[in-house]
Amino acid sequence: MPIYEYRCEDCGTKFEKLVRRSDADGVECPSCGEKHLKQELSTFAAHASGGSKSAEMPACPSGRCSNPGACGMNFN
């Protein structure tokens, strides 16, 4: 089941809820119990596992590129 983010239009509480899309009408605010909710856009965070990004990218064959991952000379 996906996690949806909601904001209560009555009290302003923001919360997340694991809910089936078909059950979305039954979601209530955990603070005030009202059902006047607006589904919010979800955000996410990406974390690097350390190490250099250039180590993950193929090196430029000519050795002239400052951004080897975007080098037009890399033919994979």
N, C-alpha and C. Protein backbone atom coordinates (compact mmCIF):
# COMPACT_ATOMS: atom_id res chain seq x y z
N MET A 1 0.85 -1.18 0.00
CA MET A 1 0.00 0.00 0.00
C MET A 1 0.89 1.25 0.00
N PRO A 2 0.53 2.23 -0.76
CA PRO A 2 1.33 3.46 -0.80
C PRO A 2 1.06 4.36 0.40
N ILE A 3 2.02 5.22 0.69
CA ILE A 3 1.87 6.22 1.74
C ILE A 3 1.45 7.52 1.07
N TYR A 4 0.36 8.11 1.56
CA TYR A 4 -0.12 9.39 1.05
C TYR A 4 0.05 10.45 2.12
N GLU A 5 0.34 11.68 1.70
CA GLU A 5 0.45 12.80 2.61
C GLU A 5 -0.81 13.65 2.50
N TYR A 6 -1.32 14.06 3.64
CA TYR A 6 -2.55 14.85 3.70
C TYR A 6 -2.34 16.09 4.57
N ARG A 7 -3.17 17.10 4.34
CA ARG A 7 -3.26 18.27 5.20
C ARG A 7 -4.72 18.47 5.52
N CYS A 8 -5.02 18.62 6.81
CA CYS A 8 -6.40 18.83 7.24
C CYS A 8 -6.77 20.28 6.98
N GLU A 9 -7.88 20.48 6.27
CA GLU A 9 -8.31 21.84 5.96
C GLU A 9 -9.00 22.51 7.14
N ASP A 10 -9.32 21.74 8.19
CA ASP A 10 -9.95 22.32 9.38
C ASP A 10 -8.90 22.80 10.40
N CYS A 11 -7.94 21.93 10.74
CA CYS A 11 -6.98 22.30 11.79
C CYS A 11 -5.56 22.52 11.27
N GLY A 12 -5.29 22.19 9.99
CA GLY A 12 -3.97 22.42 9.39
C GLY A 12 -2.94 21.34 9.66
N THR A 13 -3.32 20.28 10.34
CA THR A 13 -2.39 19.19 10.63
C THR A 13 -1.94 18.51 9.34
N LYS A 14 -0.63 18.27 9.23
CA LYS A 14 -0.08 17.50 8.11
C LYS A 14 0.27 16.12 8.63
N PHE A 15 -0.08 15.09 7.87
CA PHE A 15 0.22 13.72 8.29
C PHE A 15 0.33 12.81 7.09
N GLU A 16 0.93 11.63 7.32
CA GLU A 16 1.07 10.60 6.30
C GLU A 16 0.20 9.42 6.71
N LYS A 17 -0.32 8.72 5.71
CA LYS A 17 -1.19 7.59 6.00
C LYS A 17 -0.97 6.51 4.96
N LEU A 18 -0.80 5.28 5.42
CA LEU A 18 -0.74 4.12 4.54
C LEU A 18 -2.18 3.77 4.20
N VAL A 19 -2.55 3.86 2.94
CA VAL A 19 -3.94 3.66 2.59
C VAL A 19 -4.08 3.13 1.16
N ARG A 20 -5.02 2.23 0.97
CA ARG A 20 -5.36 1.82 -0.39
C ARG A 20 -6.11 2.96 -1.05
N ARG A 21 -5.89 3.16 -2.30
CA ARG A 21 -6.53 4.27 -3.03
C ARG A 21 -8.06 4.17 -2.93
N SER A 22 -8.60 2.97 -2.92
CA SER A 22 -10.04 2.79 -2.84
C SER A 22 -10.59 3.17 -1.45
N ASP A 23 -9.73 3.19 -0.43
CA ASP A 23 -10.14 3.53 0.93
C ASP A 23 -9.83 4.98 1.29
N ALA A 24 -9.38 5.78 0.33
CA ALA A 24 -8.95 7.15 0.60
C ALA A 24 -10.07 8.03 1.16
N ASP A 25 -11.32 7.73 0.84
CA ASP A 25 -12.44 8.53 1.34
C ASP A 25 -12.66 8.36 2.84
N GLY A 26 -12.16 7.28 3.42
CA GLY A 26 -12.35 7.01 4.84
C GLY A 26 -11.26 7.57 5.74
N VAL A 27 -10.29 8.31 5.19
CA VAL A 27 -9.19 8.85 5.97
C VAL A 27 -9.67 10.04 6.80
N GLU A 28 -9.28 10.04 8.09
CA GLU A 28 -9.64 11.13 8.99
C GLU A 28 -8.38 11.76 9.56
N CYS A 29 -8.46 13.02 9.92
CA CYS A 29 -7.35 13.73 10.55
C CYS A 29 -7.09 13.11 11.93
N PRO A 30 -5.84 12.78 12.24
CA PRO A 30 -5.54 12.19 13.54
C PRO A 30 -5.69 13.19 14.70
N SER A 31 -5.68 14.50 14.41
CA SER A 31 -5.79 15.52 15.46
C SER A 31 -7.23 15.86 15.80
N CYS A 32 -8.04 16.12 14.77
CA CYS A 32 -9.40 16.60 15.04
C CYS A 32 -10.49 15.63 14.59
N GLY A 33 -10.14 14.59 13.83
CA GLY A 33 -11.11 13.59 13.41
C GLY A 33 -11.95 13.97 12.20
N GLU A 34 -11.71 15.15 11.63
CA GLU A 34 -12.48 15.59 10.46
C GLU A 34 -11.99 14.91 9.19
N LYS A 35 -12.82 14.95 8.15
CA LYS A 35 -12.47 14.33 6.86
C LYS A 35 -12.24 15.36 5.77
N HIS A 36 -12.13 16.63 6.13
CA HIS A 36 -11.87 17.68 5.13
C HIS A 36 -10.36 17.74 4.88
N LEU A 37 -9.89 16.83 4.06
CA LEU A 37 -8.46 16.68 3.83
C LEU A 37 -8.09 17.02 2.40
N LYS A 38 -6.88 17.51 2.25
CA LYS A 38 -6.32 17.78 0.92
C LYS A 38 -5.07 16.91 0.78
N GLN A 39 -5.01 16.15 -0.30
CA GLN A 39 -3.82 15.33 -0.52
C GLN A 39 -2.69 16.24 -0.97
N GLU A 40 -1.56 16.13 -0.30
CA GLU A 40 -0.39 16.95 -0.59
C GLU A 40 0.54 16.22 -1.55
N LEU A 41 1.41 16.97 -2.19
CA LEU A 41 2.45 16.37 -3.02
C LEU A 41 3.53 15.79 -2.11
N SER A 42 3.91 14.58 -2.37
CA SER A 42 4.93 13.93 -1.56
C SER A 42 6.31 14.40 -1.98
N THR A 43 7.20 14.46 -1.02
CA THR A 43 8.59 14.78 -1.29
C THR A 43 9.44 13.57 -0.92
N PHE A 44 10.63 13.52 -1.43
CA PHE A 44 11.52 12.43 -1.10
C PHE A 44 12.93 12.98 -0.99
N ALA A 45 13.79 12.22 -0.38
CA ALA A 45 15.19 12.61 -0.23
C ALA A 45 16.07 11.52 -0.80
N ALA A 46 17.12 11.92 -1.45
CA ALA A 46 18.09 10.97 -1.97
C ALA A 46 19.40 11.19 -1.23
N HIS A 47 20.02 10.12 -0.83
CA HIS A 47 21.27 10.20 -0.08
C HIS A 47 22.35 9.47 -0.85
N ALA A 48 23.51 10.09 -0.94
CA ALA A 48 24.65 9.45 -1.58
C ALA A 48 25.29 8.49 -0.59
N SER A 49 25.86 7.44 -1.07
CA SER A 49 26.48 6.45 -0.21
C SER A 49 27.95 6.76 0.04
N GLY A 50 28.36 7.98 -0.25
CA GLY A 50 29.76 8.36 -0.07
C GLY A 50 30.54 8.08 -1.33
N GLY A 51 31.77 8.45 -1.32
CA GLY A 51 32.59 8.23 -2.49
C GLY A 51 32.38 9.33 -3.52
N SER A 52 33.26 9.40 -4.46
CA SER A 52 33.21 10.44 -5.48
C SER A 52 32.28 10.04 -6.61
N LYS A 53 31.49 10.98 -7.07
CA LYS A 53 30.60 10.71 -8.19
C LYS A 53 31.41 10.45 -9.46
N SER A 54 32.53 11.13 -9.59
CA SER A 54 33.35 10.93 -10.80
C SER A 54 33.93 9.52 -10.84
N ALA A 55 34.06 8.87 -9.68
CA ALA A 55 34.56 7.50 -9.67
C ALA A 55 33.52 6.55 -10.26
N GLU A 56 32.25 6.93 -10.18
CA GLU A 56 31.18 6.09 -10.70
C GLU A 56 30.99 6.29 -12.20
N MET A 57 31.37 7.45 -12.71
CA MET A 57 31.18 7.77 -14.11
C MET A 57 32.36 7.27 -14.93
N PRO A 58 32.13 6.90 -16.16
CA PRO A 58 33.26 6.51 -17.01
C PRO A 58 34.13 7.72 -17.32
N ALA A 59 35.40 7.50 -17.42
CA ALA A 59 36.34 8.58 -17.71
C ALA A 59 36.23 8.98 -19.17
N CYS A 60 36.48 10.24 -19.44
CA CYS A 60 36.47 10.74 -20.82
C CYS A 60 37.68 10.17 -21.56
N PRO A 61 37.47 9.57 -22.72
CA PRO A 61 38.58 8.98 -23.46
C PRO A 61 39.65 10.01 -23.84
N SER A 62 39.25 11.26 -24.06
CA SER A 62 40.25 12.26 -24.45
C SER A 62 40.95 12.87 -23.25
N GLY A 63 40.33 12.75 -22.04
CA GLY A 63 40.92 13.33 -20.84
C GLY A 63 40.71 14.83 -20.74
N ARG A 64 39.89 15.44 -21.61
CA ARG A 64 39.71 16.89 -21.62
C ARG A 64 38.43 17.35 -20.94
N CYS A 65 37.52 16.47 -20.61
CA CYS A 65 36.23 16.89 -20.08
C CYS A 65 36.28 17.10 -18.57
N SER A 66 35.64 18.19 -18.13
CA SER A 66 35.57 18.43 -16.69
C SER A 66 34.41 17.66 -16.07
N ASN A 67 33.45 17.22 -16.86
CA ASN A 67 32.31 16.45 -16.39
C ASN A 67 32.24 15.17 -17.20
N PRO A 68 33.00 14.13 -16.80
CA PRO A 68 33.09 12.93 -17.63
C PRO A 68 31.76 12.19 -17.81
N GLY A 69 30.82 12.34 -16.88
CA GLY A 69 29.54 11.66 -17.02
C GLY A 69 28.71 12.22 -18.16
N ALA A 70 28.99 13.47 -18.57
CA ALA A 70 28.22 14.12 -19.63
C ALA A 70 29.03 14.24 -20.91
N CYS A 71 30.14 13.59 -20.97
CA CYS A 71 31.02 13.67 -22.12
C CYS A 71 30.39 13.02 -23.34
N GLY A 72 30.39 13.71 -24.44
CA GLY A 72 29.84 13.18 -25.67
C GLY A 72 30.72 12.13 -26.30
N MET A 73 31.92 11.95 -25.79
CA MET A 73 32.85 10.97 -26.36
C MET A 73 32.70 9.60 -25.72
N ASN A 74 31.87 9.49 -24.68
CA ASN A 74 31.65 8.18 -24.06
C ASN A 74 30.60 7.44 -24.83
N PHE A 75 30.99 6.39 -25.48
CA PHE A 75 30.08 5.60 -26.28
C PHE A 75 29.91 4.24 -25.61
N ASN A 76 28.78 4.05 -24.96
CA ASN A 76 28.54 2.77 -24.27
C ASN A 76 27.56 1.96 -25.05
